[in-house]
Every structure is written in C-alpha cells, then in structure tokens.
C-alpha cells in the first residue's frame, strides 16, 4: 500500500515537471483565452477601425476625435450599466 501511494506521488511530481513553460506563460500572462469581455472587445474593434480610417486619411483628425469621444462615452455607459447589474441596483443608468 505504501509503495502504491509513493508510486502515485512520483507520477504526480513527474507530470508536474513536464508541463511546458509555454503553457504556463500563456495561462499566467495571457488571460485572453479564458477571460472575455464582450463590451471591451466590441469597443476595441470599433476603435481600431476608427483609427484605421484616420491613418488612411479617410477622416480628419477633428472627426477622429469626435467619433472617438462618442465611442468612449458609449463604452463608459455600458460599463456603468454592467456594474449596476452586478451590484444589483434597480435604477440602471441609460
């Protein structure tokens, strides 16, 4: 019985030492794979599209700033609404 327990402990230790460093780095430093925030992902995609338009000189800098402010305000509102829901408040900002 003692040998079986010792054998299983050695298997566990051996398995833990063979975990690739790459897997650990991805898990600890890149939480993108396991944490998803749809509000931020949508905001980031829209900001990148807006920035791309500006860099391609399709819109002026003033238009870029105006549209960026609208995106920022919309994202802030969505975050406030989400936080209100999480806190359980009934009067959510709209």
PDB file of N, CA and C in Angstrom:
ATOM      1  N   UNK A   1       0.825  -1.190   0.000  1.00  0.00           N
ATOM      2  CA  UNK A   1       0.000   0.000   0.000  1.00  0.00           C
ATOM      3  C   UNK A   1       0.871   1.257   0.000  1.00  0.00           C
ATOM      4  N   UNK A   2       1.948   1.213   0.830  1.00  0.00           N
ATOM      5  CA  UNK A   2       2.842   2.371   0.884  1.00  0.00           C
ATOM      6  C   UNK A   2       3.527   2.588  -0.459  1.00  0.00           C
ATOM      7  N   UNK A   3       3.880   1.490  -1.113  1.00  0.00           N
ATOM      8  CA  UNK A   3       4.534   1.604  -2.413  1.00  0.00           C
ATOM      9  C   UNK A   3       3.586   2.216  -3.453  1.00  0.00           C
ATOM     10  N   UNK A   4       2.329   1.853  -3.388  1.00  0.00           N
ATOM     11  CA  UNK A   4       1.347   2.393  -4.341  1.00  0.00           C
ATOM     12  C   UNK A   4       1.187   3.893  -4.149  1.00  0.00           C
ATOM     13  N   UNK A   5       1.101   4.328  -2.904  1.00  0.00           N
ATOM     14  CA  UNK A   5       0.978   5.763  -2.617  1.00  0.00           C
ATOM     15  C   UNK A   5       2.225   6.501  -3.078  1.00  0.00           C
ATOM     16  N   UNK A   6       3.386   5.942  -2.790  1.00  0.00           N
ATOM     17  CA  UNK A   6       4.641   6.544  -3.217  1.00  0.00           C
ATOM     18  C   UNK A   6       4.721   6.602  -4.740  1.00  0.00           C
ATOM     19  N   UNK A   7       4.273   5.543  -5.407  1.00  0.00           N
ATOM     20  CA  UNK A   7       4.280   5.494  -6.860  1.00  0.00           C
ATOM     21  C   UNK A   7       3.387   6.604  -7.447  1.00  0.00           C
ATOM     22  N   UNK A   8       2.180   6.771  -6.894  1.00  0.00           N
ATOM     23  CA  UNK A   8       1.274   7.811  -7.387  1.00  0.00           C
ATOM     24  C   UNK A   8       1.821   9.210  -7.122  1.00  0.00           C
ATOM     25  N   UNK A   9       2.450   9.426  -5.992  1.00  0.00           N
ATOM     26  CA  UNK A   9       3.075  10.716  -5.711  1.00  0.00           C
ATOM     27  C   UNK A   9       4.190  11.017  -6.698  1.00  0.00           C
ATOM     28  N   UNK A  10       4.970   9.990  -7.044  1.00  0.00           N
ATOM     29  CA  UNK A  10       6.047  10.182  -8.016  1.00  0.00           C
ATOM     30  C   UNK A  10       5.462  10.487  -9.400  1.00  0.00           C
ATOM     31  N   UNK A  11       4.364   9.856  -9.767  1.00  0.00           N
ATOM     32  CA  UNK A  11       3.716  10.132 -11.050  1.00  0.00           C
ATOM     33  C   UNK A  11       3.219  11.583 -11.103  1.00  0.00           C
ATOM     34  N   UNK A  12       2.635  12.043 -10.033  1.00  0.00           N
ATOM     35  CA  UNK A  12       2.133  13.416  -9.985  1.00  0.00           C
ATOM     36  C   UNK A  12       3.287  14.405 -10.099  1.00  0.00           C
ATOM     37  N   UNK A  13       4.360  14.169  -9.353  1.00  0.00           N
ATOM     38  CA  UNK A  13       5.529  15.048  -9.427  1.00  0.00           C
ATOM     39  C   UNK A  13       6.128  15.041 -10.821  1.00  0.00           C
ATOM     40  N   UNK A  14       6.222  13.884 -11.414  1.00  0.00           N
ATOM     41  CA  UNK A  14       6.780  13.781 -12.761  1.00  0.00           C
ATOM     42  C   UNK A  14       5.896  14.520 -13.764  1.00  0.00           C
ATOM     43  N   UNK A  15       4.595  14.362 -13.645  1.00  0.00           N
ATOM     44  CA  UNK A  15       3.679  15.053 -14.538  1.00  0.00           C
ATOM     45  C   UNK A  15       3.766  16.562 -14.394  1.00  0.00           C
ATOM     46  N   UNK A  16       3.918  17.037 -13.177  1.00  0.00           N
ATOM     47  CA  UNK A  16       4.010  18.486 -12.950  1.00  0.00           C
ATOM     48  C   UNK A  16       5.301  19.068 -13.513  1.00  0.00           C
ATOM     49  N   UNK A  17       6.357  18.300 -13.543  1.00  0.00           N
ATOM     50  CA  UNK A  17       7.620  18.827 -14.055  1.00  0.00           C
ATOM     51  C   UNK A  17       7.655  18.861 -15.573  1.00  0.00           C
ATOM     52  N   UNK A  18       6.779  18.115 -16.213  1.00  0.00           N
ATOM     53  CA  UNK A  18       6.776  18.086 -17.663  1.00  0.00           C
ATOM     54  C   UNK A  18       5.825  19.104 -18.290  1.00  0.00           C
ATOM     55  N   UNK A  19       5.189  19.927 -17.474  1.00  0.00           N
ATOM     56  CA  UNK A  19       4.338  20.980 -18.038  1.00  0.00           C
ATOM     57  C   UNK A  19       5.250  21.974 -18.739  1.00  0.00           C
ATOM     58  N   UNK A  20       4.926  22.259 -19.959  1.00  0.00           N
ATOM     59  CA  UNK A  20       5.767  23.150 -20.739  1.00  0.00           C
ATOM     60  C   UNK A  20       5.679  24.572 -20.196  1.00  0.00           C
ATOM     61  N   UNK A  21       6.791  25.263 -20.218  1.00  0.00           N
ATOM     62  CA  UNK A  21       6.824  26.643 -19.753  1.00  0.00           C
ATOM     63  C   UNK A  21       5.904  27.517 -20.596  1.00  0.00           C
ATOM     64  N   UNK A  22       5.798  27.186 -21.865  1.00  0.00           N
ATOM     65  CA  UNK A  22       4.948  27.951 -22.767  1.00  0.00           C
ATOM     66  C   UNK A  22       3.492  27.914 -22.293  1.00  0.00           C
ATOM     67  N   UNK A  23       3.037  26.754 -21.846  1.00  0.00           N
ATOM     68  CA  UNK A  23       1.673  26.636 -21.353  1.00  0.00           C
ATOM     69  C   UNK A  23       1.473  27.509 -20.120  1.00  0.00           C
ATOM     70  N   UNK A  24       2.441  27.516 -19.236  1.00  0.00           N
ATOM     71  CA  UNK A  24       2.328  28.325 -18.027  1.00  0.00           C
ATOM     72  C   UNK A  24       2.344  29.813 -18.356  1.00  0.00           C
ATOM     73  N   UNK A  25       3.190  30.222 -19.300  1.00  0.00           N
ATOM     74  CA  UNK A  25       3.241  31.630 -19.685  1.00  0.00           C
ATOM     75  C   UNK A  25       1.917  32.072 -20.286  1.00  0.00           C
ATOM     76  N   UNK A  26       1.361  31.255 -21.159  1.00  0.00           N
ATOM     77  CA  UNK A  26       0.089  31.610 -21.778  1.00  0.00           C
ATOM     78  C   UNK A  26      -1.012  31.734 -20.739  1.00  0.00           C
ATOM     79  N   UNK A  27      -0.989  30.899 -19.743  1.00  0.00           N
ATOM     80  CA  UNK A  27      -2.038  30.930 -18.726  1.00  0.00           C
ATOM     81  C   UNK A  27      -1.886  32.124 -17.800  1.00  0.00           C
ATOM     82  N   UNK A  28      -0.660  32.399 -17.370  1.00  0.00           N
ATOM     83  CA  UNK A  28      -0.486  33.458 -16.374  1.00  0.00           C
ATOM     84  C   UNK A  28      -0.359  34.845 -16.973  1.00  0.00           C
ATOM     85  N   UNK A  29       0.195  34.968 -18.163  1.00  0.00           N
ATOM     86  CA  UNK A  29       0.410  36.295 -18.730  1.00  0.00           C
ATOM     87  C   UNK A  29      -0.549  36.634 -19.860  1.00  0.00           C
ATOM     88  N   UNK A  30      -1.268  35.682 -20.358  1.00  0.00           N
ATOM     89  CA  UNK A  30      -2.175  35.941 -21.461  1.00  0.00           C
ATOM     90  C   UNK A  30      -3.577  35.449 -21.162  1.00  0.00           C
ATOM     91  N   UNK A  31      -4.292  36.113 -20.283  1.00  0.00           N
ATOM     92  CA  UNK A  31      -5.612  35.615 -19.914  1.00  0.00           C
ATOM     93  C   UNK A  31      -6.657  35.802 -21.004  1.00  0.00           C
ATOM     94  N   UNK A  32      -6.232  36.238 -22.181  1.00  0.00           N
ATOM     95  CA  UNK A  32      -7.172  36.495 -23.259  1.00  0.00           C
ATOM     96  C   UNK A  32      -7.968  35.244 -23.594  1.00  0.00           C
ATOM     97  N   UNK A  33      -7.355  34.104 -23.481  1.00  0.00           N
ATOM     98  CA  UNK A  33      -8.037  32.872 -23.831  1.00  0.00           C
ATOM     99  C   UNK A  33      -9.110  32.461 -22.857  1.00  0.00           C
ATOM    100  N   UNK A  34      -9.057  32.905 -21.627  1.00  0.00           N
ATOM    101  CA  UNK A  34     -10.052  32.438 -20.669  1.00  0.00           C
ATOM    102  C   UNK A  34     -10.861  33.550 -20.034  1.00  0.00           C
ATOM    103  N   UNK A  35     -10.559  34.803 -20.329  1.00  0.00           N
ATOM    104  CA  UNK A  35     -11.381  35.920 -19.862  1.00  0.00           C
ATOM    105  C   UNK A  35     -11.884  36.663 -21.084  1.00  0.00           C
ATOM    106  N   UNK A  36     -13.177  36.815 -21.174  1.00  0.00           N
ATOM    107  CA  UNK A  36     -13.765  37.504 -22.321  1.00  0.00           C
ATOM    108  C   UNK A  36     -14.660  38.623 -21.809  1.00  0.00           C
ATOM    109  N   UNK A  37     -14.481  39.806 -22.349  1.00  0.00           N
ATOM    110  CA  UNK A  37     -15.324  40.949 -22.037  1.00  0.00           C
ATOM    111  C   UNK A  37     -15.891  41.454 -23.351  1.00  0.00           C
ATOM    112  N   UNK A  38     -17.140  41.106 -23.658  1.00  0.00           N
ATOM    113  CA  UNK A  38     -17.693  41.478 -24.958  1.00  0.00           C
ATOM    114  C   UNK A  38     -17.774  42.986 -25.160  1.00  0.00           C
ATOM    115  N   UNK A  39     -17.998  43.736 -24.077  1.00  0.00           N
ATOM    116  CA  UNK A  39     -18.068  45.196 -24.213  1.00  0.00           C
ATOM    117  C   UNK A  39     -16.724  45.758 -24.664  1.00  0.00           C
ATOM    118  N   UNK A  40     -15.653  45.311 -24.021  1.00  0.00           N
ATOM    119  CA  UNK A  40     -14.337  45.814 -24.369  1.00  0.00           C
ATOM    120  C   UNK A  40     -13.901  45.326 -25.745  1.00  0.00           C
ATOM    121  N   UNK A  41     -14.225  44.090 -26.083  1.00  0.00           N
ATOM    122  CA  UNK A  41     -13.845  43.563 -27.398  1.00  0.00           C
ATOM    123  C   UNK A  41     -14.519  44.367 -28.513  1.00  0.00           C
ATOM    124  N   UNK A  42     -15.780  44.686 -28.332  1.00  0.00           N
ATOM    125  CA  UNK A  42     -16.500  45.480 -29.331  1.00  0.00           C
ATOM    126  C   UNK A  42     -15.929  46.901 -29.398  1.00  0.00           C
ATOM    127  N   UNK A  43     -15.654  47.478 -28.229  1.00  0.00           N
ATOM    128  CA  UNK A  43     -15.079  48.828 -28.162  1.00  0.00           C
ATOM    129  C   UNK A  43     -13.715  48.863 -28.852  1.00  0.00           C
ATOM    130  N   UNK A  44     -12.890  47.876 -28.571  1.00  0.00           N
ATOM    131  CA  UNK A  44     -11.545  47.827 -29.147  1.00  0.00           C
ATOM    132  C   UNK A  44     -11.607  47.680 -30.671  1.00  0.00           C
ATOM    133  N   UNK A  45     -12.517  46.829 -31.150  1.00  0.00           N
ATOM    134  CA  UNK A  45     -12.665  46.636 -32.590  1.00  0.00           C
ATOM    135  C   UNK A  45     -13.101  47.938 -33.265  1.00  0.00           C
ATOM    136  N   UNK A  46     -14.054  48.641 -32.653  1.00  0.00           N
ATOM    137  CA  UNK A  46     -14.520  49.910 -33.219  1.00  0.00           C
ATOM    138  C   UNK A  46     -13.429  50.974 -33.195  1.00  0.00           C
ATOM    139  N   UNK A  47     -12.652  51.020 -32.111  1.00  0.00           N
ATOM    140  CA  UNK A  47     -11.549  51.995 -32.022  1.00  0.00           C
ATOM    141  C   UNK A  47     -10.483  51.722 -33.078  1.00  0.00           C
ATOM    142  N   UNK A  48     -10.171  50.451 -33.280  1.00  0.00           N
ATOM    143  CA  UNK A  48      -9.173  50.106 -34.291  1.00  0.00           C
ATOM    144  C   UNK A  48      -9.662  50.459 -35.695  1.00  0.00           C
ATOM    145  N   UNK A  49     -10.940  50.242 -35.962  1.00  0.00           N
ATOM    146  CA  UNK A  49     -11.490  50.600 -37.270  1.00  0.00           C
ATOM    147  C   UNK A  49     -11.456  52.112 -37.471  1.00  0.00           C
ATOM    148  N   UNK A  50     -11.781  52.847 -36.417  1.00  0.00           N
ATOM    149  CA  UNK A  50     -11.758  54.303 -36.489  1.00  0.00           C
ATOM    150  C   UNK A  50     -10.339  54.821 -36.703  1.00  0.00           C
ATOM    151  N   UNK A  51      -9.403  54.252 -35.977  1.00  0.00           N
ATOM    152  CA  UNK A  51      -8.002  54.649 -36.128  1.00  0.00           C
ATOM    153  C   UNK A  51      -7.487  54.318 -37.528  1.00  0.00           C
ATOM    154  N   UNK A  52      -7.911  53.192 -38.059  1.00  0.00           N
ATOM    155  CA  UNK A  52      -7.512  52.815 -39.405  1.00  0.00           C
ATOM    156  C   UNK A  52      -8.034  53.818 -40.430  1.00  0.00           C
ATOM    157  N   UNK A  53      -9.265  54.267 -40.247  1.00  0.00           N
ATOM    158  CA  UNK A  53      -9.817  55.287 -41.149  1.00  0.00           C
ATOM    159  C   UNK A  53      -8.994  56.567 -41.093  1.00  0.00           C
ATOM    160  N   UNK A  54      -8.611  56.965 -39.875  1.00  0.00           N
ATOM    161  CA  UNK A  54      -7.817  58.181 -39.731  1.00  0.00           C
ATOM    162  C   UNK A  54      -6.437  58.013 -40.376  1.00  0.00           C
ATOM    163  N   UNK A  55      -5.802  56.869 -40.155  1.00  0.00           N
ATOM    164  CA  UNK A  55      -4.467  56.656 -40.704  1.00  0.00           C
ATOM    165  C   UNK A  55      -4.480  56.552 -42.225  1.00  0.00           C
ATOM    166  N   UNK A  56      -5.578  56.099 -42.773  1.00  0.00           N
ATOM    167  CA  UNK A  56      -5.713  56.050 -44.237  1.00  0.00           C
ATOM    168  C   UNK A  56      -6.158  57.396 -44.798  1.00  0.00           C
ATOM    169  N   UNK A  57      -6.293  58.368 -43.919  1.00  0.00           N
ATOM    170  CA  UNK A  57      -6.692  59.739 -44.267  1.00  0.00           C
ATOM    171  C   UNK A  57      -8.084  59.796 -44.889  1.00  0.00           C
ATOM    172  N   UNK A  58      -8.981  58.915 -44.444  1.00  0.00           N
ATOM    173  CA  UNK A  58     -10.372  58.964 -44.878  1.00  0.00           C
ATOM    174  C   UNK A  58     -11.174  59.984 -44.074  1.00  0.00           C
ATOM    175  N   UNK A  59     -10.722  60.248 -42.832  1.00  0.00           N
ATOM    176  CA  UNK A  59     -11.392  61.236 -41.991  1.00  0.00           C
ATOM    177  C   UNK A  59     -10.346  62.184 -41.414  1.00  0.00           C
ATOM    178  N   UNK A  60     -10.783  63.361 -41.031  1.00  0.00           N
ATOM    179  CA  UNK A  60      -9.855  64.340 -40.458  1.00  0.00           C
ATOM    180  C   UNK A  60      -9.610  64.014 -38.983  1.00  0.00           C
ATOM    181  N   UNK A  61      -8.611  64.694 -38.404  1.00  0.00           N
ATOM    182  CA  UNK A  61      -8.287  64.463 -37.001  1.00  0.00           C
ATOM    183  C   UNK A  61      -9.430  64.922 -36.105  1.00  0.00           C
ATOM    184  N   UNK A  62     -10.084  66.017 -36.470  1.00  0.00           N
ATOM    185  CA  UNK A  62     -11.216  66.506 -35.682  1.00  0.00           C
ATOM    186  C   UNK A  62     -12.357  65.486 -35.688  1.00  0.00           C
ATOM    187  N   UNK A  63     -12.629  64.895 -36.856  1.00  0.00           N
ATOM    188  CA  UNK A  63     -13.661  63.860 -36.938  1.00  0.00           C
ATOM    189  C   UNK A  63     -13.270  62.632 -36.121  1.00  0.00           C
ATOM    190  N   UNK A  64     -11.989  62.283 -36.197  1.00  0.00           N
ATOM    191  CA  UNK A  64     -11.485  61.143 -35.429  1.00  0.00           C
ATOM    192  C   UNK A  64     -11.706  61.368 -33.936  1.00  0.00           C
ATOM    193  N   UNK A  65     -11.334  62.547 -33.445  1.00  0.00           N
ATOM    194  CA  UNK A  65     -11.503  62.837 -32.024  1.00  0.00           C
ATOM    195  C   UNK A  65     -12.975  62.831 -31.612  1.00  0.00           C
ATOM    196  N   UNK A  66     -13.827  63.381 -32.467  1.00  0.00           N
ATOM    197  CA  UNK A  66     -15.255  63.428 -32.163  1.00  0.00           C
ATOM    198  C   UNK A  66     -15.841  62.014 -32.084  1.00  0.00           C
ATOM    199  N   UNK A  67     -15.512  61.181 -33.067  1.00  0.00           N
ATOM    200  CA  UNK A  67     -16.036  59.812 -33.079  1.00  0.00           C
ATOM    201  C   UNK A  67     -15.433  58.984 -31.951  1.00  0.00           C
ATOM    202  N   UNK A  68     -14.177  59.232 -31.628  1.00  0.00           N
ATOM    203  CA  UNK A  68     -13.519  58.518 -30.526  1.00  0.00           C
ATOM    204  C   UNK A  68     -14.188  58.859 -29.202  1.00  0.00           C
ATOM    205  N   UNK A  69     -14.554  60.132 -29.019  1.00  0.00           N
ATOM    206  CA  UNK A  69     -15.239  60.543 -27.790  1.00  0.00           C
ATOM    207  C   UNK A  69     -16.599  59.865 -27.685  1.00  0.00           C
ATOM    208  N   UNK A  70     -17.310  59.757 -28.800  1.00  0.00           N
ATOM    209  CA  UNK A  70     -18.611  59.067 -28.802  1.00  0.00           C
ATOM    210  C   UNK A  70     -18.418  57.608 -28.407  1.00  0.00           C
ATOM    211  N   UNK A  71     -17.414  56.947 -28.971  1.00  0.00           N
ATOM    212  CA  UNK A  71     -17.133  55.548 -28.615  1.00  0.00           C
ATOM    213  C   UNK A  71     -16.773  55.412 -27.142  1.00  0.00           C
ATOM    214  N   UNK A  72     -15.927  56.326 -26.643  1.00  0.00           N
ATOM    215  CA  UNK A  72     -15.534  56.286 -25.230  1.00  0.00           C
ATOM    216  C   UNK A  72     -16.736  56.464 -24.316  1.00  0.00           C
ATOM    217  N   UNK A  73     -17.600  57.423 -24.653  1.00  0.00           N
ATOM    218  CA  UNK A  73     -18.782  57.669 -23.828  1.00  0.00           C
ATOM    219  C   UNK A  73     -19.727  56.469 -23.840  1.00  0.00           C
ATOM    220  N   UNK A  74     -19.892  55.865 -25.011  1.00  0.00           N
ATOM    221  CA  UNK A  74     -20.764  54.695 -25.121  1.00  0.00           C
ATOM    222  C   UNK A  74     -20.202  53.531 -24.308  1.00  0.00           C
ATOM    223  N   UNK A  75     -18.895  53.323 -24.384  1.00  0.00           N
ATOM    224  CA  UNK A  75     -18.269  52.240 -23.627  1.00  0.00           C
ATOM    225  C   UNK A  75     -18.401  52.489 -22.126  1.00  0.00           C
ATOM    226  N   UNK A  76     -18.175  53.724 -21.691  1.00  0.00           N
ATOM    227  CA  UNK A  76     -18.317  54.048 -20.273  1.00  0.00           C
ATOM    228  C   UNK A  76     -19.730  53.784 -19.778  1.00  0.00           C
ATOM    229  N   UNK A  77     -20.725  54.121 -20.591  1.00  0.00           N
ATOM    230  CA  UNK A  77     -22.116  53.879 -20.224  1.00  0.00           C
ATOM    231  C   UNK A  77     -22.396  52.386 -20.103  1.00  0.00           C
ATOM    232  N   UNK A  78     -21.889  51.603 -21.038  1.00  0.00           N
ATOM    233  CA  UNK A  78     -22.090  50.151 -20.984  1.00  0.00           C
ATOM    234  C   UNK A  78     -21.446  49.559 -19.737  1.00  0.00           C
ATOM    235  N   UNK A  79     -20.273  50.048 -19.381  1.00  0.00           N
ATOM    236  CA  UNK A  79     -19.591  49.548 -18.187  1.00  0.00           C
ATOM    237  C   UNK A  79     -20.378  49.925 -16.932  1.00  0.00           C
ATOM    238  N   UNK A  80     -20.897  51.149 -16.880  1.00  0.00           N
ATOM    239  CA  UNK A  80     -21.707  51.563 -15.729  1.00  0.00           C
ATOM    240  C   UNK A  80     -22.957  50.704 -15.604  1.00  0.00           C
ATOM    241  N   UNK A  81     -23.610  50.419 -16.734  1.00  0.00           N
ATOM    242  CA  UNK A  81     -24.796  49.571 -16.706  1.00  0.00           C
ATOM    243  C   UNK A  81     -24.453  48.165 -16.213  1.00  0.00           C
ATOM    244  N   UNK A  82     -23.352  47.633 -16.708  1.00  0.00           N
ATOM    245  CA  UNK A  82     -22.942  46.290 -16.293  1.00  0.00           C
ATOM    246  C   UNK A  82     -22.621  46.256 -14.808  1.00  0.00           C
ATOM    247  N   UNK A  83     -21.902  47.264 -14.325  1.00  0.00           N
ATOM    248  CA  UNK A  83     -21.562  47.307 -12.906  1.00  0.00           C
ATOM    249  C   UNK A  83     -22.802  47.467 -12.034  1.00  0.00           C
ATOM    250  N   UNK A  84     -23.783  48.232 -12.514  1.00  0.00           N
ATOM    251  CA  UNK A  84     -25.031  48.387 -11.765  1.00  0.00           C
ATOM    252  C   UNK A  84     -25.763  47.053 -11.672  1.00  0.00           C
ATOM    253  N   UNK A  85     -25.757  46.290 -12.761  1.00  0.00           N
ATOM    254  CA  UNK A  85     -26.406  44.981 -12.748  1.00  0.00           C
ATOM    255  C   UNK A  85     -25.686  44.049 -11.781  1.00  0.00           C
ATOM    256  N   UNK A  86     -24.374  44.090 -11.788  1.00  0.00           N
ATOM    257  CA  UNK A  86     -23.587  43.236 -10.896  1.00  0.00           C
ATOM    258  C   UNK A  86     -23.859  43.587  -9.437  1.00  0.00           C
ATOM    259  N   UNK A  87     -23.958  44.879  -9.137  1.00  0.00           N
ATOM    260  CA  UNK A  87     -24.235  45.311  -7.765  1.00  0.00           C
ATOM    261  C   UNK A  87     -25.682  45.068  -7.375  1.00  0.00           C
ATOM    262  N   UNK A  88     -26.548  44.821  -8.359  1.00  0.00           N
ATOM    263  CA  UNK A  88     -27.944  44.551  -8.068  1.00  0.00           C
ATOM    264  C   UNK A  88     -28.789  45.798  -7.930  1.00  0.00           C
ATOM    265  N   UNK A  89     -28.321  46.900  -8.456  1.00  0.00           N
ATOM    266  CA  UNK A  89     -29.093  48.142  -8.383  1.00  0.00           C
ATOM    267  C   UNK A  89     -30.217  48.087  -9.405  1.00  0.00           C
ATOM    268  N   UNK A  90     -31.382  48.612  -9.023  1.00  0.00           N
ATOM    269  CA  UNK A  90     -32.518  48.582  -9.935  1.00  0.00           C
ATOM    270  C   UNK A  90     -32.517  49.755 -10.880  1.00  0.00           C
ATOM    271  N   UNK A  91     -32.108  50.919 -10.446  1.00  0.00           N
ATOM    272  CA  UNK A  91     -32.080  52.110 -11.295  1.00  0.00           C
ATOM    273  C   UNK A  91     -30.770  52.153 -12.049  1.00  0.00           C
ATOM    274  N   UNK A  92     -30.779  51.546 -13.214  1.00  0.00           N
ATOM    275  CA  UNK A  92     -29.566  51.477 -14.010  1.00  0.00           C
ATOM    276  C   UNK A  92     -29.483  52.694 -14.913  1.00  0.00           C
ATOM    277  N   UNK A  93     -28.296  53.286 -15.069  1.00  0.00           N
ATOM    278  CA  UNK A  93     -28.161  54.433 -15.970  1.00  0.00           C
ATOM    279  C   UNK A  93     -28.404  54.025 -17.409  1.00  0.00           C
ATOM    280  N   UNK A  94     -29.121  54.832 -18.122  1.00  0.00           N
ATOM    281  CA  UNK A  94     -29.401  54.572 -19.543  1.00  0.00           C
ATOM    282  C   UNK A  94     -29.021  55.747 -20.363  1.00  0.00           C
TER     283      UNK A  94
END
